[in-house]
Amino acid sequence: MISQARLEKFKEIYQRTFNERLDDAEALGRANRLLNIYMAVYGDPFEYKGQQEEVETELEVNQNN
């Protein structure tokens, strides 16, 4: 789910880029589609962050041993 603050930021960027204002419903649809494309190409960014934290924790443990 996209927060209202992130949705407003998306609307601001969209307006600057395309010189067109979007209402909340249209912006939410477009933002979700963009996020779906991103996730199809690059994977879930939240999953990656979790994996990165696991690797960093492993490195810290190995360095302390």
PDB file of N, CA and C in Angstrom:
ATOM      1  N   MET A   1       0.845  -1.181   0.000  1.00  0.00           N
ATOM      2  CA  MET A   1       0.000   0.000   0.000  1.00  0.00           C
ATOM      3  C   MET A   1       0.891   1.246   0.000  1.00  0.00           C
ATOM      4  N   ILE A   2       0.479   2.228  -0.753  1.00  0.00           N
ATOM      5  CA  ILE A   2       1.236   3.468  -0.880  1.00  0.00           C
ATOM      6  C   ILE A   2       0.654   4.488   0.099  1.00  0.00           C
ATOM      7  N   SER A   3       1.503   5.098   0.901  1.00  0.00           N
ATOM      8  CA  SER A   3       1.047   6.084   1.876  1.00  0.00           C
ATOM      9  C   SER A   3       0.597   7.361   1.163  1.00  0.00           C
ATOM     10  N   GLN A   4      -0.191   8.146   1.847  1.00  0.00           N
ATOM     11  CA  GLN A   4      -0.684   9.396   1.273  1.00  0.00           C
ATOM     12  C   GLN A   4       0.470  10.352   0.961  1.00  0.00           C
ATOM     13  N   ALA A   5       1.471  10.375   1.824  1.00  0.00           N
ATOM     14  CA  ALA A   5       2.629  11.243   1.586  1.00  0.00           C
ATOM     15  C   ALA A   5       3.370  10.826   0.315  1.00  0.00           C
ATOM     16  N   ARG A   6       3.555   9.525   0.115  1.00  0.00           N
ATOM     17  CA  ARG A   6       4.227   9.024  -1.091  1.00  0.00           C
ATOM     18  C   ARG A   6       3.381   9.280  -2.335  1.00  0.00           C
ATOM     19  N   LEU A   7       2.066   9.161  -2.178  1.00  0.00           N
ATOM     20  CA  LEU A   7       1.160   9.429  -3.293  1.00  0.00           C
ATOM     21  C   LEU A   7       1.243  10.896  -3.707  1.00  0.00           C
ATOM     22  N   GLU A   8       1.303  11.787  -2.747  1.00  0.00           N
ATOM     23  CA  GLU A   8       1.425  13.220  -3.051  1.00  0.00           C
ATOM     24  C   GLU A   8       2.751  13.500  -3.770  1.00  0.00           C
ATOM     25  N   LYS A   9       3.810  12.851  -3.340  1.00  0.00           N
ATOM     26  CA  LYS A   9       5.109  13.018  -3.987  1.00  0.00           C
ATOM     27  C   LYS A   9       5.056  12.505  -5.431  1.00  0.00           C
ATOM     28  N   PHE A  10       4.410  11.362  -5.626  1.00  0.00           N
ATOM     29  CA  PHE A  10       4.249  10.816  -6.973  1.00  0.00           C
ATOM     30  C   PHE A  10       3.473  11.793  -7.853  1.00  0.00           C
ATOM     31  N   LYS A  11       2.388  12.356  -7.312  1.00  0.00           N
ATOM     32  CA  LYS A  11       1.589  13.318  -8.077  1.00  0.00           C
ATOM     33  C   LYS A  11       2.418  14.546  -8.451  1.00  0.00           C
ATOM     34  N   GLU A  12       3.233  14.997  -7.536  1.00  0.00           N
ATOM     35  CA  GLU A  12       4.091  16.163  -7.785  1.00  0.00           C
ATOM     36  C   GLU A  12       5.090  15.875  -8.907  1.00  0.00           C
ATOM     37  N   ILE A  13       5.730  14.728  -8.850  1.00  0.00           N
ATOM     38  CA  ILE A  13       6.702  14.346  -9.879  1.00  0.00           C
ATOM     39  C   ILE A  13       5.993  14.158 -11.221  1.00  0.00           C
ATOM     40  N   TYR A  14       4.837  13.524 -11.199  1.00  0.00           N
ATOM     41  CA  TYR A  14       4.090  13.288 -12.433  1.00  0.00           C
ATOM     42  C   TYR A  14       3.701  14.619 -13.084  1.00  0.00           C
ATOM     43  N   GLN A  15       3.232  15.552 -12.268  1.00  0.00           N
ATOM     44  CA  GLN A  15       2.831  16.852 -12.811  1.00  0.00           C
ATOM     45  C   GLN A  15       4.031  17.588 -13.414  1.00  0.00           C
ATOM     46  N   ARG A  16       5.159  17.565 -12.740  1.00  0.00           N
ATOM     47  CA  ARG A  16       6.368  18.206 -13.266  1.00  0.00           C
ATOM     48  C   ARG A  16       6.816  17.568 -14.576  1.00  0.00           C
ATOM     49  N   THR A  17       6.721  16.259 -14.644  1.00  0.00           N
ATOM     50  CA  THR A  17       7.213  15.528 -15.807  1.00  0.00           C
ATOM     51  C   THR A  17       6.276  15.642 -17.007  1.00  0.00           C
ATOM     52  N   PHE A  18       4.971  15.476 -16.769  1.00  0.00           N
ATOM     53  CA  PHE A  18       4.012  15.409 -17.863  1.00  0.00           C
ATOM     54  C   PHE A  18       3.096  16.626 -17.964  1.00  0.00           C
ATOM     55  N   ASN A  19       3.265  17.595 -17.063  1.00  0.00           N
ATOM     56  CA  ASN A  19       2.442  18.807 -17.036  1.00  0.00           C
ATOM     57  C   ASN A  19       0.954  18.466 -17.004  1.00  0.00           C
ATOM     58  N   GLU A  20       0.617  17.482 -16.174  1.00  0.00           N
ATOM     59  CA  GLU A  20      -0.767  17.017 -16.041  1.00  0.00           C
ATOM     60  C   GLU A  20      -1.021  16.659 -14.582  1.00  0.00           C
ATOM     61  N   ARG A  21      -2.116  17.166 -14.041  1.00  0.00           N
ATOM     62  CA  ARG A  21      -2.485  16.842 -12.661  1.00  0.00           C
ATOM     63  C   ARG A  21      -3.311  15.564 -12.621  1.00  0.00           C
ATOM     64  N   LEU A  22      -3.073  14.766 -11.591  1.00  0.00           N
ATOM     65  CA  LEU A  22      -3.837  13.543 -11.392  1.00  0.00           C
ATOM     66  C   LEU A  22      -4.622  13.644 -10.092  1.00  0.00           C
ATOM     67  N   ASP A  23      -5.842  13.090 -10.084  1.00  0.00           N
ATOM     68  CA  ASP A  23      -6.548  12.989  -8.810  1.00  0.00           C
ATOM     69  C   ASP A  23      -5.981  11.784  -8.059  1.00  0.00           C
ATOM     70  N   ASP A  24      -6.367  11.619  -6.820  1.00  0.00           N
ATOM     71  CA  ASP A  24      -5.794  10.555  -5.989  1.00  0.00           C
ATOM     72  C   ASP A  24      -6.015   9.171  -6.588  1.00  0.00           C
ATOM     73  N   ALA A  25      -7.211   8.910  -7.111  1.00  0.00           N
ATOM     74  CA  ALA A  25      -7.523   7.583  -7.650  1.00  0.00           C
ATOM     75  C   ALA A  25      -6.651   7.266  -8.860  1.00  0.00           C
ATOM     76  N   GLU A  26      -6.532   8.208  -9.780  1.00  0.00           N
ATOM     77  CA  GLU A  26      -5.717   7.997 -10.973  1.00  0.00           C
ATOM     78  C   GLU A  26      -4.243   7.873 -10.592  1.00  0.00           C
ATOM     79  N   ALA A  27      -3.782   8.701  -9.677  1.00  0.00           N
ATOM     80  CA  ALA A  27      -2.390   8.642  -9.237  1.00  0.00           C
ATOM     81  C   ALA A  27      -2.089   7.308  -8.564  1.00  0.00           C
ATOM     82  N   LEU A  28      -3.005   6.833  -7.742  1.00  0.00           N
ATOM     83  CA  LEU A  28      -2.810   5.552  -7.061  1.00  0.00           C
ATOM     84  C   LEU A  28      -2.703   4.415  -8.068  1.00  0.00           C
ATOM     85  N   GLY A  29      -3.567   4.426  -9.067  1.00  0.00           N
ATOM     86  CA  GLY A  29      -3.513   3.393 -10.100  1.00  0.00           C
ATOM     87  C   GLY A  29      -2.193   3.418 -10.859  1.00  0.00           C
ATOM     88  N   ARG A  30      -1.765   4.612 -11.258  1.00  0.00           N
ATOM     89  CA  ARG A  30      -0.512   4.732 -12.011  1.00  0.00           C
ATOM     90  C   ARG A  30       0.692   4.373 -11.142  1.00  0.00           C
ATOM     91  N   ALA A  31       0.685   4.808  -9.895  1.00  0.00           N
ATOM     92  CA  ALA A  31       1.795   4.497  -8.988  1.00  0.00           C
ATOM     93  C   ALA A  31       1.884   2.991  -8.741  1.00  0.00           C
ATOM     94  N   ASN A  32       0.746   2.349  -8.559  1.00  0.00           N
ATOM     95  CA  ASN A  32       0.743   0.899  -8.353  1.00  0.00           C
ATOM     96  C   ASN A  32       1.238   0.160  -9.591  1.00  0.00           C
ATOM     97  N   ARG A  33       0.843   0.606 -10.772  1.00  0.00           N
ATOM     98  CA  ARG A  33       1.323  -0.025 -11.998  1.00  0.00           C
ATOM     99  C   ARG A  33       2.838   0.143 -12.138  1.00  0.00           C
ATOM    100  N   LEU A  34       3.328   1.333 -11.826  1.00  0.00           N
ATOM    101  CA  LEU A  34       4.771   1.572 -11.882  1.00  0.00           C
ATOM    102  C   LEU A  34       5.511   0.676 -10.890  1.00  0.00           C
ATOM    103  N   LEU A  35       4.975   0.560  -9.693  1.00  0.00           N
ATOM    104  CA  LEU A  35       5.593  -0.303  -8.687  1.00  0.00           C
ATOM    105  C   LEU A  35       5.580  -1.758  -9.128  1.00  0.00           C
ATOM    106  N   ASN A  36       4.491  -2.194  -9.766  1.00  0.00           N
ATOM    107  CA  ASN A  36       4.407  -3.575 -10.256  1.00  0.00           C
ATOM    108  C   ASN A  36       5.454  -3.832 -11.334  1.00  0.00           C
ATOM    109  N   ILE A  37       5.647  -2.867 -12.233  1.00  0.00           N
ATOM    110  CA  ILE A  37       6.678  -3.014 -13.267  1.00  0.00           C
ATOM    111  C   ILE A  37       8.058  -3.094 -12.616  1.00  0.00           C
ATOM    112  N   TYR A  38       8.309  -2.211 -11.663  1.00  0.00           N
ATOM    113  CA  TYR A  38       9.591  -2.213 -10.957  1.00  0.00           C
ATOM    114  C   TYR A  38       9.838  -3.582 -10.314  1.00  0.00           C
ATOM    115  N   MET A  39       8.820  -4.093  -9.639  1.00  0.00           N
ATOM    116  CA  MET A  39       8.978  -5.362  -8.932  1.00  0.00           C
ATOM    117  C   MET A  39       9.164  -6.521  -9.909  1.00  0.00           C
ATOM    118  N   ALA A  40       8.530  -6.461 -11.089  1.00  0.00           N
ATOM    119  CA  ALA A  40       8.702  -7.517 -12.090  1.00  0.00           C
ATOM    120  C   ALA A  40      10.127  -7.526 -12.628  1.00  0.00           C
ATOM    121  N   VAL A  41      10.716  -6.354 -12.779  1.00  0.00           N
ATOM    122  CA  VAL A  41      12.057  -6.252 -13.351  1.00  0.00           C
ATOM    123  C   VAL A  41      13.137  -6.484 -12.289  1.00  0.00           C
ATOM    124  N   TYR A  42      12.999  -5.801 -11.153  1.00  0.00           N
ATOM    125  CA  TYR A  42      14.067  -5.800 -10.150  1.00  0.00           C
ATOM    126  C   TYR A  42      13.781  -6.645  -8.922  1.00  0.00           C
ATOM    127  N   GLY A  43      12.553  -7.086  -8.737  1.00  0.00           N
ATOM    128  CA  GLY A  43      12.186  -7.844  -7.550  1.00  0.00           C
ATOM    129  C   GLY A  43      11.683  -6.923  -6.449  1.00  0.00           C
ATOM    130  N   ASP A  44      11.311  -7.512  -5.366  1.00  0.00           N
ATOM    131  CA  ASP A  44      10.748  -6.768  -4.233  1.00  0.00           C
ATOM    132  C   ASP A  44      11.855  -6.013  -3.507  1.00  0.00           C
ATOM    133  N   PRO A  45      11.794  -4.675  -3.495  1.00  0.00           N
ATOM    134  CA  PRO A  45      12.862  -3.922  -2.828  1.00  0.00           C
ATOM    135  C   PRO A  45      12.914  -4.174  -1.325  1.00  0.00           C
ATOM    136  N   PHE A  46      11.784  -4.535  -0.725  1.00  0.00           N
ATOM    137  CA  PHE A  46      11.759  -4.798   0.709  1.00  0.00           C
ATOM    138  C   PHE A  46      12.399  -6.145   1.012  1.00  0.00           C
ATOM    139  N   GLU A  47      12.247  -7.099   0.108  1.00  0.00           N
ATOM    140  CA  GLU A  47      12.885  -8.394   0.277  1.00  0.00           C
ATOM    141  C   GLU A  47      14.398  -8.242   0.193  1.00  0.00           C
ATOM    142  N   TYR A  48      14.867  -7.449  -0.754  1.00  0.00           N
ATOM    143  CA  TYR A  48      16.299  -7.205  -0.909  1.00  0.00           C
ATOM    144  C   TYR A  48      16.874  -6.557   0.341  1.00  0.00           C
ATOM    145  N   LYS A  49      16.156  -5.570   0.883  1.00  0.00           N
ATOM    146  CA  LYS A  49      16.645  -4.895   2.081  1.00  0.00           C
ATOM    147  C   LYS A  49      16.807  -5.901   3.213  1.00  0.00           C
ATOM    148  N   GLY A  50      15.849  -6.802   3.354  1.00  0.00           N
ATOM    149  CA  GLY A  50      15.946  -7.819   4.388  1.00  0.00           C
ATOM    150  C   GLY A  50      17.137  -8.732   4.176  1.00  0.00           C
ATOM    151  N   GLN A  51      17.378  -9.102   2.914  1.00  0.00           N
ATOM    152  CA  GLN A  51      18.523  -9.942   2.609  1.00  0.00           C
ATOM    153  C   GLN A  51      19.827  -9.205   2.887  1.00  0.00           C
ATOM    154  N   GLN A  52      19.855  -7.925   2.562  1.00  0.00           N
ATOM    155  CA  GLN A  52      21.060  -7.123   2.795  1.00  0.00           C
ATOM    156  C   GLN A  52      21.354  -7.047   4.287  1.00  0.00           C
ATOM    157  N   GLU A  53      20.321  -6.858   5.102  1.00  0.00           N
ATOM    158  CA  GLU A  53      20.511  -6.796   6.550  1.00  0.00           C
ATOM    159  C   GLU A  53      21.028  -8.121   7.081  1.00  0.00           C
ATOM    160  N   GLU A  54      20.522  -9.247   6.520  1.00  0.00           N
ATOM    161  CA  GLU A  54      20.995 -10.560   6.952  1.00  0.00           C
ATOM    162  C   GLU A  54      22.485 -10.727   6.636  1.00  0.00           C
ATOM    163  N   VAL A  55      22.894 -10.318   5.451  1.00  0.00           N
ATOM    164  CA  VAL A  55      24.302 -10.429   5.054  1.00  0.00           C
ATOM    165  C   VAL A  55      25.169  -9.558   5.944  1.00  0.00           C
ATOM    166  N   GLU A  56      24.722  -8.341   6.218  1.00  0.00           N
ATOM    167  CA  GLU A  56      25.503  -7.453   7.085  1.00  0.00           C
ATOM    168  C   GLU A  56      25.635  -8.038   8.480  1.00  0.00           C
ATOM    169  N   THR A  57      24.572  -8.627   8.999  1.00  0.00           N
ATOM    170  CA  THR A  57      24.617  -9.242  10.322  1.00  0.00           C
ATOM    171  C   THR A  57      25.582 -10.424  10.324  1.00  0.00           C
ATOM    172  N   GLU A  58      25.531 -11.234   9.242  1.00  0.00           N
ATOM    173  CA  GLU A  58      26.452 -12.363   9.130  1.00  0.00           C
ATOM    174  C   GLU A  58      27.896 -11.895   9.101  1.00  0.00           C
ATOM    175  N   LEU A  59      28.161 -10.834   8.356  1.00  0.00           N
ATOM    176  CA  LEU A  59      29.522 -10.302   8.281  1.00  0.00           C
ATOM    177  C   LEU A  59      29.997  -9.812   9.638  1.00  0.00           C
ATOM    178  N   GLU A  60      29.133  -9.150  10.372  1.00  0.00           N
ATOM    179  CA  GLU A  60      29.494  -8.671  11.707  1.00  0.00           C
ATOM    180  C   GLU A  60      29.819  -9.839  12.619  1.00  0.00           C
ATOM    181  N   VAL A  61      29.010 -10.893  12.556  1.00  0.00           N
ATOM    182  CA  VAL A  61      29.231 -12.062  13.408  1.00  0.00           C
ATOM    183  C   VAL A  61      30.559 -12.709  13.043  1.00  0.00           C
ATOM    184  N   ASN A  62      30.817 -12.852  11.740  1.00  0.00           N
ATOM    185  CA  ASN A  62      32.069 -13.489  11.294  1.00  0.00           C
ATOM    186  C   ASN A  62      33.285 -12.655  11.664  1.00  0.00           C
ATOM    187  N   GLN A  63      33.157 -11.344  11.625  1.00  0.00           N
ATOM    188  CA  GLN A  63      34.276 -10.469  11.989  1.00  0.00           C
ATOM    189  C   GLN A  63      34.582 -10.535  13.472  1.00  0.00           C
ATOM    190  N   ASN A  64      33.578 -10.794  14.285  1.00  0.00           N
ATOM    191  CA  ASN A  64      33.761 -10.856  15.729  1.00  0.00           C
ATOM    192  C   ASN A  64      34.320 -12.205  16.186  1.00  0.00           C
ATOM    193  N   ASN A  65      34.310 -13.184  15.314  1.00  0.00           N
ATOM    194  CA  ASN A  65      34.815 -14.520  15.678  1.00  0.00           C
ATOM    195  C   ASN A  65      36.234 -14.698  15.316  1.00  0.00           C
TER     196      ASN A  65
END
